[in-house]
Structure formats: C-alpha cells, structure tokens
Amino acid sequence: GFFAPDVRYSASGTHGEQVMEFKKMVKALHDAGIEVILDVVYNHTGEGNEMGPTLSFRGIDNASYYRLAEDPRYYMDFTGTGNTLNTRQPNVLRLIMDSLRYWVEEMHVDGFRFDLASALARELHEVDKLSSFFDVIHQDPVISQVKLIAEPWDIGEGGYQVGEFPAGWAEWNGKYRDCIRDYWIGADSMIAEFANRLTGSSDLYRGDNRTPSASVNFITAHDGFTLHDLVSYNDKHNEANGEDNQDGESHNRSWNCGVEGPTEDATVNSLRQKQKRNMLVTLFLSQGVPMLVAGDELGRTQQGNNNAYCQDNEISWLDWTSVDGTLLDFTKKLIHFRREHPVFCRRKWFQGIPIRGTGVEDIVWFLPDASEMDDHHWQEDYARSLAVFLNGQGIRSVDIAGNKIVDANFYLLFNAHWEDVAYKLPSEIYGASWNKIIDTNSDRIGDFGEFPAGDTVLVPSRSILLFQSQ
C-alpha cells in the first residue's frame, strides 16, 4: 500500500520489522549528510484494468477511486497499467496527502519523486497547472516544504509536460536526456540545444521564478538502457521479457561504437569508455541537479535489456563482483570536482553581461579561432564542437555567512565530431594561463599541463577538454 514498506525488503523479520529498518536507514543516511527522496507511485494501483484483479479500491468505491471511461465498465488509462487513480476526488487526494505526510513526519524522508506526475495533475482530461492535486500540495504546511520532483509525463494525450510544472517543483528533464544522447552520437543541428541544456535549460525553467535547480538532469534512468548499454547497443534486446522484444522503447538514441554488444575489439571498447566519460562529464558540469543511476558508475550492464522491470535476476541486479574500478574512480573524482566548484552549480541564471570589476561576461561562447559566436553560428547544422568560458566572479550568490561566492574561471571544449578540431584559447582578459584538468581521452582527472592564453590546443574526436584559469 501507500503507507507500508514492502516486507520483502526486511532483513530481520516479517512482523513489521521493515518499518523500523527503514527508519534506521534514513537516520544513518542523514547522519552521513545524505537526504532521502522517496519514489512514489500514486498514479495507479495493482488492480489492473476491468479484468482485475479486485484487491481493494475497486471493491470499496470503484467510481470514486478510479477514472472511468464513458462506458463505466472500462477505465481511463494514462499510466499504461490499466487504471488511473482519480485525483479529482477529495477522498483520493486525502489518501495521497495522508500518505505523503506519513512518510515525512513518521519516516522522516526529505522529499518525493512522483512517478508519471502528469497523470496526477489531470482534471477532466488535460494536465492542469491549477489542478486540485497541485493546490493541496502547495497549501499543505508539511509537504510544500519538502523537495518535490516530477516525472513530468504520462502516456496519455498531452501528457508530456517537461518545463510546465508550477514553481516549487523540480522535474526530470527528459529533453536534457534526449539532447545529450543525440549530441554525443554526432547528430546534426545540436549545438544550440546542447548549449541550452548545459546551462540549465532556461528555455524550460526560467519562467515562474524557477531556478536552474528545477532541472533534474539525467542521461539514463531506471527505465531504459544503462550507461554501459547506451554505448554498447544500437537496439534493445528484451527477449528475456517474454514479449518477442516488442516491449520497451525502440528509439534509444544509442550508439554501439561499431559492434553490437560485448566485444574483444580493444578499439571499440576504448571508444565506449570514452563515450561514458563524455556523458558523465557533461552531466556533472551542467547547471541543474545531476542524477546518476546506481550502477552506471560501476559499468553495470543489463545485456541490452531496456525494460528490465520484470527481471528480478542478474539482468537487473547490481553485480558487485564485476565493478569497473577505473570508471568508479573517475566518477568519484568528477563528483568531488563539481562539489568543489560552485560555478558548475549556480543558483541563478546566466545573464551574458559583463561582471563589475572584470569587464568580462559571466558566460561567453567561442569559435575555434577564439572569436565569439554569433547568432548564425548556432544554426550551422554541421557544427559538432563548441567552447564556453565560465566566469568564476559572476556567480551572483552568497554563502550562508553572506559572503560572495567566487570560483576560478573555466574554459570547456566539446567535440562530438569524428575528427579532431583545433581551438585557440581565449585572450588574457579571460585568463593569463590555463591548466588542463579534464581530458576525456584519459581515465584520470588532474593536472595535464599548463597552456598560455592564445595557445592552440587540439580537441580530439569525441572528447571534452576542461581548462581552469591560473
């Protein structure tokens, strides 16, 4: 139910011990400085469609708890499960709110990720920003104060609502996922959108006084390919699911780097590792909130299965005996690097205007010859590389003591082309010299050498270089 941890997760007994275990887990995570966000699925129940089974709500008050079709024998299905809870009904909203408050006040979680949240915000048929669901959330003195994250879509008409949720909500940014995947497989006409996603997706979230943290950036999720499989398979391989490989998403925006599935080809495997690093670096150097699926940092594979919800076996489990230690170390250092540098996790939007005292904008986009990009450059469909300067003096936020937050300046070079590209470092007003900190051709993060302003550097094919000013 919506109030009970599953007893199958208990390690100590089957008589309610799972509740105490959950509380102890939350306390231990809090003691380690880790918040707990609970993934909640209030959009449907396990009672299926009109064929059943009948377990609870259907027998209590079918017409109140579920959205029914014009012929009330059937259900409106915005969830893909056969039924949809009817959040227009006060008793259903009360059930949801009682459940949410229980998990906050009794179990002490810090927020929620709402599965198929668009289905909860439908009034008659359309998703509505003024829906009863949003109203009761925002006026509740407890739930309005915790972290609220939407999966901003469902399977119904008009259900894709990325960028459309109200203030106070963060969202899984599905457009970020699609764009970053497309960019790194070398798709045409991507640099303008790539730049937008890298800088927090202001086209989606700047309205309604939302900040870059409204964008929960991700490249993979529990649904779909793992990061390893994203660079190892062009096509899904869901035969083990028993549906003749018809289930799961067919358009994955993936690239196998030349061979489908496992291979002994060292060149292919090396490229796959670099592509993983490219996507991880992009994710953790993007404005917004990065989300990483457990196991991607370990090189976990689902053997090409992109719909493994039904696989409680080696396909979906974390295999702790098969850990890519090099990738894990790279990811740990990358996360630490982001935490150390606030210019990559700004609380306010870039403005593109000079910062007082420096005469340099908070963000500048450059061409290979170190001249600034113009409007028409963003429209070049063949362009697959770009460079961006981030001004560490232009963060425009203060810390808890009221002191201005400042950072070093950074220069990022992205090249999704299959050929190398030479870039000239910017002039001295942006930095007298630059240390290369990240080169995704390498599996380490550190000092790759110093380069003077105006020097020319080669950005290898399918690579990222990151320079820090001295």
Protein backbone atom coordinates (compact mmCIF):
# COMPACT_ATOMS: atom_id res chain seq x y z
CA GLY A 1 0.00 0.00 0.00
CA PHE A 2 0.89 3.69 0.03
CA PHE A 3 1.84 3.53 3.73
CA ALA A 4 3.68 0.23 4.09
CA PRO A 5 7.29 -0.64 3.20
CA ASP A 6 7.33 -3.99 1.43
CA VAL A 7 8.10 -6.77 3.89
CA ARG A 8 10.26 -8.46 1.25
CA TYR A 9 12.85 -5.73 1.84
CA SER A 10 13.18 -6.67 5.50
CA ALA A 11 16.43 -8.22 6.67
CA SER A 12 15.29 -9.12 10.18
CA GLY A 13 11.71 -10.37 10.13
CA THR A 14 8.21 -10.33 8.69
CA HIS A 15 6.23 -8.77 11.55
CA GLY A 16 6.72 -5.08 10.87
CA GLU A 17 10.49 -5.04 11.25
CA GLN A 18 10.76 -3.39 7.85
CA VAL A 19 9.31 -0.18 9.30
CA MET A 20 11.98 0.09 11.97
CA GLU A 21 14.67 -0.88 9.45
CA PHE A 22 13.52 1.90 7.14
CA LYS A 23 13.68 4.47 9.95
CA LYS A 24 17.15 3.31 10.94
CA MET A 25 18.27 3.51 7.32
CA VAL A 26 17.00 7.09 6.99
CA LYS A 27 18.73 8.10 10.22
CA ALA A 28 22.02 6.54 9.10
CA LEU A 29 21.83 8.34 5.77
CA HIS A 30 21.03 11.63 7.49
CA ASP A 31 23.99 11.13 9.84
CA ALA A 32 26.15 10.79 6.72
CA GLY A 33 24.73 14.02 5.26
CA ILE A 34 22.58 12.25 2.67
CA GLU A 35 18.95 13.20 2.09
CA VAL A 36 16.33 10.58 1.24
CA ILE A 37 14.00 11.15 -1.71
CA LEU A 38 11.23 8.56 -1.97
CA ASP A 39 9.99 7.44 -5.38
CA VAL A 40 6.20 7.32 -5.05
CA VAL A 41 3.64 5.88 -7.47
CA TYR A 42 0.24 7.39 -6.70
CA ASN A 43 -0.97 7.38 -10.30
CA HIS A 44 -2.28 3.79 -10.32
CA THR A 45 -2.73 0.66 -8.22
CA GLY A 46 -2.14 -3.05 -8.80
CA GLU A 47 -5.81 -3.73 -9.59
CA GLY A 48 -5.23 -3.64 -13.35
CA ASN A 49 -7.99 -2.94 -15.88
CA GLU A 50 -11.59 -4.15 -15.96
CA MET A 51 -10.31 -7.74 -15.97
CA GLY A 52 -8.97 -7.30 -12.44
CA PRO A 53 -7.79 -8.41 -10.01
CA THR A 54 -10.06 -6.87 -7.38
CA LEU A 55 -7.96 -6.27 -4.29
CA SER A 56 -9.07 -3.07 -2.57
CA PHE A 57 -10.32 0.23 -4.00
CA ARG A 58 -12.31 -1.39 -6.80
CA GLY A 59 -14.43 -3.19 -4.24
CA ILE A 60 -14.73 -0.21 -1.89
CA ASP A 61 -15.79 2.53 -4.34
CA ASN A 62 -14.69 1.88 -7.91
CA ALA A 63 -16.25 5.04 -9.38
CA SER A 64 -14.59 7.33 -6.84
CA TYR A 65 -11.09 5.89 -6.73
CA TYR A 66 -10.57 5.40 -10.47
CA ARG A 67 -11.01 7.44 -13.62
CA LEU A 68 -13.68 5.65 -15.60
CA ALA A 69 -14.35 5.80 -19.32
CA GLU A 70 -17.65 6.97 -20.80
CA ASP A 71 -18.72 3.36 -20.54
CA PRO A 72 -18.07 2.90 -16.79
CA ARG A 73 -17.20 -0.75 -17.26
CA TYR A 74 -13.82 0.45 -18.53
CA TYR A 75 -11.00 2.57 -17.15
CA MET A 76 -9.19 5.62 -18.47
CA ASP A 77 -5.57 4.53 -18.66
CA PHE A 78 -2.99 7.34 -18.59
CA THR A 79 -0.42 5.12 -16.91
CA GLY A 80 -0.03 2.01 -19.05
CA THR A 81 -1.14 -0.21 -16.17
CA GLY A 82 -4.85 -0.48 -16.95
CA ASN A 83 -6.09 2.09 -14.43
CA THR A 84 -5.52 5.66 -13.21
CA LEU A 85 -6.34 6.98 -9.74
CA ASN A 86 -8.95 9.74 -9.78
CA THR A 87 -7.25 12.74 -8.19
CA ARG A 88 -10.33 14.87 -8.84
CA GLN A 89 -11.97 13.14 -5.90
CA PRO A 90 -11.39 14.63 -2.41
CA ASN A 91 -11.09 11.21 -0.78
CA VAL A 92 -8.33 10.21 -3.22
CA LEU A 93 -6.46 13.46 -2.63
CA ARG A 94 -6.78 12.94 1.12
CA LEU A 95 -5.38 9.43 0.77
CA ILE A 96 -2.37 10.75 -1.14
CA MET A 97 -1.75 13.62 1.28
CA ASP A 98 -2.09 11.38 4.33
CA SER A 99 0.46 9.06 2.78
CA LEU A 100 2.89 11.86 1.96
CA ARG A 101 2.66 13.33 5.45
CA TYR A 102 3.21 9.88 6.96
CA TRP A 103 6.45 9.43 5.04
CA VAL A 104 7.70 12.87 6.07
CA GLU A 105 6.53 13.07 9.68
CA GLU A 106 6.86 9.43 10.71
CA MET A 107 9.55 8.06 8.39
CA HIS A 108 11.48 11.35 8.03
CA VAL A 109 12.12 11.36 4.28
CA ASP A 110 13.19 14.64 2.71
CA GLY A 111 11.11 14.68 -0.44
CA PHE A 112 9.46 12.74 -3.21
CA ARG A 113 9.83 11.86 -6.86
CA PHE A 114 6.34 11.43 -8.33
CA ASP A 115 6.05 8.71 -10.96
CA LEU A 116 4.04 9.78 -14.05
CA ALA A 117 3.16 13.01 -12.28
CA SER A 118 1.17 14.35 -15.23
CA ALA A 119 -1.49 11.72 -14.53
CA LEU A 120 -1.98 13.19 -11.05
CA ALA A 121 -2.49 16.70 -12.41
CA ARG A 122 -5.23 15.91 -14.92
CA GLU A 123 -8.59 17.50 -14.16
CA LEU A 124 -11.14 16.43 -16.79
CA HIS A 125 -8.70 15.20 -19.40
CA GLU A 126 -5.90 17.76 -19.76
CA VAL A 127 -2.97 18.31 -17.42
CA ASP A 128 -3.79 21.50 -15.50
CA LYS A 129 -1.36 23.75 -13.58
CA LEU A 130 -4.34 24.77 -11.44
CA SER A 131 -5.38 21.20 -10.68
CA SER A 132 -6.63 20.11 -7.28
CA PHE A 133 -3.52 17.98 -6.88
CA PHE A 134 -1.20 20.98 -7.13
CA ASP A 135 -3.47 23.00 -4.85
CA VAL A 136 -3.41 20.53 -1.98
CA ILE A 137 0.34 20.05 -2.30
CA HIS A 138 1.13 23.76 -2.25
CA GLN A 139 -1.20 24.65 0.61
CA ASP A 140 -0.04 21.82 2.86
CA PRO A 141 2.27 23.17 5.60
CA VAL A 142 4.35 19.97 5.63
CA ILE A 143 4.54 18.74 2.05
CA SER A 144 5.00 22.18 0.49
CA GLN A 145 8.30 22.46 2.40
CA VAL A 146 9.97 19.27 1.17
CA LYS A 147 11.61 18.53 -2.17
CA LEU A 148 9.11 17.77 -4.93
CA ILE A 149 10.35 16.16 -8.14
CA ALA A 150 8.05 15.30 -11.04
CA GLU A 151 8.38 12.74 -13.76
CA PRO A 152 6.58 15.26 -15.98
CA TRP A 153 4.77 12.97 -18.37
CA ASP A 154 2.32 10.10 -18.67
CA ILE A 155 1.23 8.02 -21.67
CA GLY A 156 -1.95 9.99 -22.41
CA GLU A 157 -2.56 12.72 -24.97
CA GLY A 158 -0.92 15.97 -23.84
CA GLY A 159 0.87 14.18 -21.04
CA TYR A 160 4.40 15.32 -21.94
CA GLN A 161 4.79 18.36 -19.66
CA VAL A 162 8.55 18.92 -19.37
CA GLY A 163 9.05 22.53 -18.27
CA GLU A 164 5.37 23.04 -17.46
CA PHE A 165 5.13 22.19 -13.76
CA PRO A 166 4.49 25.00 -11.27
CA ALA A 167 7.03 26.85 -9.14
CA GLY A 168 8.24 24.75 -6.24
CA TRP A 169 8.63 21.65 -8.40
CA ALA A 170 11.77 20.21 -9.94
CA GLU A 171 11.43 17.97 -12.97
CA TRP A 172 13.15 15.08 -14.62
CA ASN A 173 14.40 16.90 -17.70
CA GLY A 174 13.64 14.44 -20.49
CA LYS A 175 14.75 16.98 -23.07
CA TYR A 176 18.18 17.07 -21.43
CA ARG A 177 18.48 13.28 -21.70
CA ASP A 178 17.48 13.24 -25.37
CA CYS A 179 19.72 16.16 -26.32
CA ILE A 180 22.87 14.89 -24.62
CA ARG A 181 22.44 11.45 -26.16
CA ASP A 182 21.88 12.95 -29.61
CA TYR A 183 24.86 15.27 -29.30
CA TRP A 184 27.31 12.52 -28.39
CA ILE A 185 26.22 10.21 -31.20
CA GLY A 186 27.04 13.08 -33.57
CA ALA A 187 23.55 14.16 -34.66
CA ASP A 188 23.13 17.25 -36.85
CA SER A 189 21.96 20.66 -35.63
CA MET A 190 22.56 20.00 -31.95
CA ILE A 191 24.90 22.70 -30.62
CA ALA A 192 22.24 25.33 -29.86
CA GLU A 193 20.12 22.96 -27.82
CA PHE A 194 23.21 21.38 -26.27
CA ALA A 195 24.30 24.81 -25.03
CA ASN A 196 20.84 25.41 -23.59
CA ARG A 197 20.80 22.10 -21.75
CA LEU A 198 24.36 22.61 -20.47
CA THR A 199 23.41 25.95 -18.91
CA GLY A 200 20.29 24.80 -17.06
CA SER A 201 17.57 24.73 -19.73
CA SER A 202 16.44 28.32 -19.22
CA ASP A 203 14.02 27.88 -22.13
CA LEU A 204 12.11 25.44 -19.93
CA TYR A 205 12.56 26.68 -16.37
CA ARG A 206 13.28 30.40 -16.27
CA GLY A 207 9.59 31.32 -16.07
CA ASP A 208 7.54 31.28 -12.86
CA ASN A 209 10.63 32.33 -10.86
CA ARG A 210 12.15 28.88 -11.14
CA THR A 211 15.91 28.43 -10.89
CA PRO A 212 18.40 26.08 -12.60
CA SER A 213 17.81 23.56 -9.81
CA ALA A 214 14.35 22.92 -11.29
CA SER A 215 16.13 20.87 -13.96
CA VAL A 216 17.00 17.37 -12.78
CA ASN A 217 19.49 16.40 -15.46
CA PHE A 218 19.94 12.77 -16.37
CA ILE A 219 21.18 10.65 -19.26
CA THR A 220 19.92 7.30 -18.02
CA ALA A 221 17.23 6.25 -15.54
CA HIS A 222 15.88 3.02 -14.08
CA ASP A 223 13.79 2.76 -17.26
CA GLY A 224 15.80 2.21 -20.43
CA PHE A 225 19.43 1.41 -21.14
CA THR A 226 22.16 1.65 -18.54
CA LEU A 227 25.05 3.96 -19.42
CA HIS A 228 27.17 0.97 -20.45
CA ASP A 229 24.43 -0.37 -22.69
CA LEU A 230 23.83 3.07 -24.17
CA VAL A 231 27.30 2.91 -25.73
CA SER A 232 27.18 -0.84 -26.46
CA TYR A 233 23.86 -1.44 -28.25
CA ASN A 234 22.04 0.18 -31.14
CA ASP A 235 18.91 -1.84 -30.47
CA LYS A 236 17.05 -3.15 -27.44
CA HIS A 237 17.40 -6.84 -26.57
CA ASN A 238 14.38 -7.62 -24.42
CA GLU A 239 13.84 -11.23 -25.48
CA ALA A 240 14.08 -12.40 -21.86
CA ASN A 241 10.93 -10.41 -21.05
CA GLY A 242 8.77 -12.87 -22.98
CA GLU A 243 7.12 -10.35 -25.32
CA ASP A 244 9.10 -11.12 -28.51
CA ASN A 245 11.19 -7.98 -27.98
CA GLN A 246 8.11 -5.80 -28.59
CA ASP A 247 8.19 -4.10 -25.18
CA GLY A 248 10.42 -1.19 -24.23
CA GLU A 249 11.45 1.94 -26.11
CA SER A 250 12.70 1.34 -29.66
CA HIS A 251 14.22 4.80 -30.24
CA ASN A 252 17.02 4.87 -27.68
CA ARG A 253 19.38 7.45 -29.21
CA SER A 254 22.19 4.99 -28.56
CA TRP A 255 25.32 4.03 -30.48
CA ASN A 256 27.24 0.78 -30.07
CA CYS A 257 30.55 2.28 -31.27
CA GLY A 258 30.78 -0.22 -34.10
CA VAL A 259 29.84 -3.61 -32.65
CA GLU A 260 26.53 -4.75 -31.16
CA GLY A 261 27.01 -5.96 -27.60
CA PRO A 262 30.12 -7.40 -25.92
CA THR A 263 33.31 -7.48 -27.96
CA GLU A 264 37.01 -8.17 -27.60
CA ASP A 265 37.83 -5.32 -30.01
CA ALA A 266 40.10 -3.03 -27.99
CA THR A 267 39.41 -0.01 -30.19
CA VAL A 268 35.65 -0.34 -29.77
CA ASN A 269 35.94 -0.87 -26.02
CA SER A 270 38.23 2.15 -25.65
CA LEU A 271 35.76 4.34 -27.53
CA ARG A 272 32.91 3.07 -25.38
CA GLN A 273 34.80 4.02 -22.24
CA LYS A 274 35.49 7.49 -23.63
CA GLN A 275 31.84 7.97 -24.55
CA LYS A 276 30.86 7.08 -20.99
CA ARG A 277 33.29 9.67 -19.68
CA ASN A 278 31.98 12.23 -22.17
CA MET A 279 28.43 11.81 -20.92
CA LEU A 280 29.41 11.73 -17.26
CA VAL A 281 31.48 14.91 -17.59
CA THR A 282 28.67 16.62 -19.49
CA LEU A 283 26.20 15.61 -16.78
CA PHE A 284 28.25 16.80 -13.83
CA LEU A 285 29.39 20.04 -15.44
CA SER A 286 25.85 21.05 -16.45
CA GLN A 287 23.85 23.61 -14.49
CA GLY A 288 20.97 21.99 -12.64
CA VAL A 289 20.80 18.87 -10.47
CA PRO A 290 22.66 15.81 -11.79
CA MET A 291 21.02 12.41 -11.38
CA LEU A 292 23.08 9.24 -11.76
CA VAL A 293 21.56 5.76 -11.81
CA ALA A 294 23.08 3.36 -9.30
CA GLY A 295 25.41 1.07 -11.21
CA ASP A 296 26.31 3.41 -14.06
CA GLU A 297 29.45 4.39 -12.15
CA LEU A 298 30.34 0.69 -11.97
CA GLY A 299 29.84 -0.10 -15.66
CA ARG A 300 26.69 -2.14 -14.99
CA THR A 301 25.01 -3.82 -17.97
CA GLN A 302 21.51 -5.21 -18.45
CA GLN A 303 22.72 -7.12 -21.54
CA GLY A 304 20.85 -4.73 -23.82
CA ASN A 305 17.54 -5.03 -21.97
CA ASN A 306 15.92 -1.60 -21.73
CA ASN A 307 12.76 -2.67 -19.88
CA ALA A 308 14.06 -4.80 -17.02
CA TYR A 309 11.26 -4.05 -14.53
CA CYS A 310 10.20 -7.72 -14.73
CA GLN A 311 13.68 -9.15 -14.26
CA ASP A 312 14.46 -9.90 -10.62
CA ASN A 313 17.71 -11.65 -11.51
CA GLU A 314 21.21 -11.00 -12.82
CA ILE A 315 19.84 -8.76 -15.58
CA SER A 316 18.69 -6.08 -13.14
CA TRP A 317 20.83 -6.75 -10.07
CA LEU A 318 23.99 -4.85 -9.18
CA ASP A 319 26.89 -7.24 -9.67
CA TRP A 320 29.45 -6.25 -7.05
CA THR A 321 31.88 -8.86 -8.38
CA SER A 322 32.10 -7.11 -11.75
CA VAL A 323 32.96 -3.49 -10.97
CA ASP A 324 34.79 -1.19 -13.37
CA GLY A 325 37.10 0.28 -10.76
CA THR A 326 38.64 2.77 -13.16
CA LEU A 327 35.25 4.20 -14.14
CA LEU A 328 34.19 4.28 -10.49
CA ASP A 329 37.30 6.23 -9.51
CA PHE A 330 36.78 8.67 -12.40
CA THR A 331 33.16 9.24 -11.37
CA LYS A 332 34.04 9.80 -7.70
CA LYS A 333 36.65 12.40 -8.62
CA LEU A 334 34.24 14.06 -11.04
CA ILE A 335 31.57 14.38 -8.34
CA HIS A 336 34.14 15.79 -5.92
CA PHE A 337 35.30 18.27 -8.56
CA ARG A 338 31.75 19.56 -9.09
CA ARG A 339 31.21 19.96 -5.35
CA GLU A 340 34.42 21.98 -5.07
CA HIS A 341 33.48 24.42 -7.84
CA PRO A 342 30.25 26.43 -7.44
CA VAL A 343 30.47 27.83 -10.96
CA PHE A 344 29.03 24.48 -12.14
CA CYS A 345 26.07 24.56 -9.74
CA ARG A 346 24.82 28.12 -9.92
CA ARG A 347 21.61 29.11 -8.17
CA LYS A 348 20.88 31.88 -10.64
CA TRP A 349 20.69 32.04 -14.42
CA PHE A 350 23.49 33.24 -16.64
CA GLN A 351 22.88 36.76 -17.94
CA GLY A 352 25.60 37.15 -20.57
CA ILE A 353 26.55 40.61 -19.29
CA PRO A 354 29.93 41.92 -18.05
CA ILE A 355 30.72 41.40 -14.37
CA ARG A 356 31.63 44.57 -12.49
CA GLY A 357 35.36 44.80 -11.89
CA THR A 358 36.28 42.29 -14.58
CA GLY A 359 34.70 43.66 -17.75
CA VAL A 360 34.10 40.05 -18.76
CA GLU A 361 30.68 38.42 -19.14
CA ASP A 362 29.56 35.61 -16.85
CA ILE A 363 29.46 33.29 -19.88
CA VAL A 364 30.96 33.57 -23.38
CA TRP A 365 30.75 31.14 -26.31
CA PHE A 366 33.74 30.89 -28.66
CA LEU A 367 34.60 29.69 -32.16
CA PRO A 368 37.80 27.74 -32.88
CA ASP A 369 39.67 30.98 -33.72
CA ALA A 370 38.75 32.42 -30.26
CA SER A 371 36.26 34.90 -31.71
CA GLU A 372 32.82 34.99 -30.12
CA MET A 373 29.98 33.03 -31.63
CA ASP A 374 27.26 34.98 -33.43
CA ASP A 375 23.62 34.12 -33.99
CA HIS A 376 24.15 32.42 -37.33
CA HIS A 377 26.83 30.12 -35.93
CA TRP A 378 24.22 28.47 -33.71
CA GLN A 379 22.21 27.45 -36.77
CA GLU A 380 25.00 25.56 -38.57
CA ASP A 381 23.69 22.01 -38.86
CA TYR A 382 27.15 20.54 -39.44
CA ALA A 383 28.70 22.05 -36.28
CA ARG A 384 29.51 19.48 -33.62
CA SER A 385 32.00 21.35 -31.44
CA LEU A 386 31.83 24.42 -29.23
CA ALA A 387 33.75 26.21 -26.50
CA VAL A 388 32.41 28.08 -23.49
CA PHE A 389 34.01 30.35 -20.88
CA LEU A 390 32.54 30.40 -17.36
CA ASN A 391 33.41 33.40 -15.17
CA GLY A 392 34.01 32.42 -11.56
CA GLN A 393 33.42 36.03 -10.49
CA GLY A 394 29.93 36.03 -12.00
CA ILE A 395 28.09 33.52 -9.81
CA ARG A 396 25.93 36.25 -8.16
CA SER A 397 25.17 34.29 -4.99
CA VAL A 398 26.28 34.41 -1.36
CA ASP A 399 27.09 31.65 1.10
CA ILE A 400 25.38 31.06 4.46
CA ALA A 401 27.66 33.69 6.04
CA GLY A 402 26.62 36.28 3.48
CA ASN A 403 29.93 36.24 1.64
CA LYS A 404 30.03 36.42 -2.14
CA ILE A 405 30.62 33.04 -3.75
CA VAL A 406 33.53 33.11 -6.20
CA ASP A 407 35.39 30.46 -8.14
CA ALA A 408 38.13 30.10 -10.72
CA ASN A 409 37.39 30.73 -14.39
CA PHE A 410 36.88 27.70 -16.61
CA TYR A 411 37.06 27.02 -20.32
CA LEU A 412 35.22 23.97 -21.67
CA LEU A 413 35.74 22.47 -25.11
CA PHE A 414 33.28 19.92 -26.50
CA ASN A 415 33.83 17.97 -29.71
CA ALA A 416 31.28 15.35 -30.78
CA HIS A 417 32.75 15.21 -34.29
CA TRP A 418 34.52 12.11 -35.58
CA GLU A 419 37.51 14.32 -36.47
CA ASP A 420 39.86 16.37 -34.29
CA VAL A 421 39.28 20.12 -34.05
CA ALA A 422 41.90 22.77 -33.19
CA TYR A 423 40.79 25.54 -30.82
CA LYS A 424 42.61 28.69 -29.81
CA LEU A 425 42.46 29.54 -26.12
CA PRO A 426 40.92 32.97 -25.39
CA SER A 427 42.91 36.15 -24.76
CA GLU A 428 44.48 37.18 -21.45
CA ILE A 429 41.42 39.10 -20.24
CA TYR A 430 39.80 35.69 -19.65
CA GLY A 431 42.86 34.15 -18.03
CA ALA A 432 46.62 34.57 -18.36
CA SER A 433 47.22 30.83 -18.39
CA TRP A 434 45.17 27.65 -18.20
CA ASN A 435 45.68 24.26 -16.59
CA LYS A 436 44.07 21.33 -18.35
CA ILE A 437 42.12 19.48 -15.65
CA ILE A 438 39.95 17.03 -17.61
CA ASP A 439 40.63 15.28 -20.90
CA THR A 440 38.13 12.50 -21.59
CA ASN A 441 40.72 10.68 -23.68
CA SER A 442 42.19 9.85 -20.27
CA ASP A 443 40.55 7.99 -17.40
CA ARG A 444 42.00 10.32 -14.78
CA ILE A 445 41.21 13.81 -13.52
CA GLY A 446 44.15 16.03 -12.62
CA ASP A 447 46.80 18.36 -13.99
CA PHE A 448 47.54 17.69 -17.67
CA GLY A 449 49.81 20.71 -18.04
CA GLU A 450 49.69 24.50 -18.35
CA PHE A 451 48.84 26.44 -21.51
CA PRO A 452 49.23 30.19 -22.07
CA ALA A 453 46.40 32.43 -23.24
CA GLY A 454 46.05 32.38 -27.03
CA ASP A 455 47.72 28.99 -27.38
CA THR A 456 46.20 26.47 -29.80
CA VAL A 457 45.04 23.13 -28.43
CA LEU A 458 43.81 20.07 -30.28
CA VAL A 459 40.45 18.71 -29.17
CA PRO A 460 40.47 15.06 -30.26
CA SER A 461 37.42 13.50 -31.85
CA ARG A 462 34.55 12.73 -29.47
CA SER A 463 36.19 14.41 -26.49
CA ILE A 464 35.86 17.04 -23.79
CA LEU A 465 38.68 19.22 -22.51
CA LEU A 466 38.33 21.36 -19.38
CA PHE A 467 40.77 24.15 -18.53
CA GLN A 468 41.00 26.06 -15.25
CA SER A 469 42.48 29.55 -15.08
CA GLN A 470 45.59 30.21 -13.01
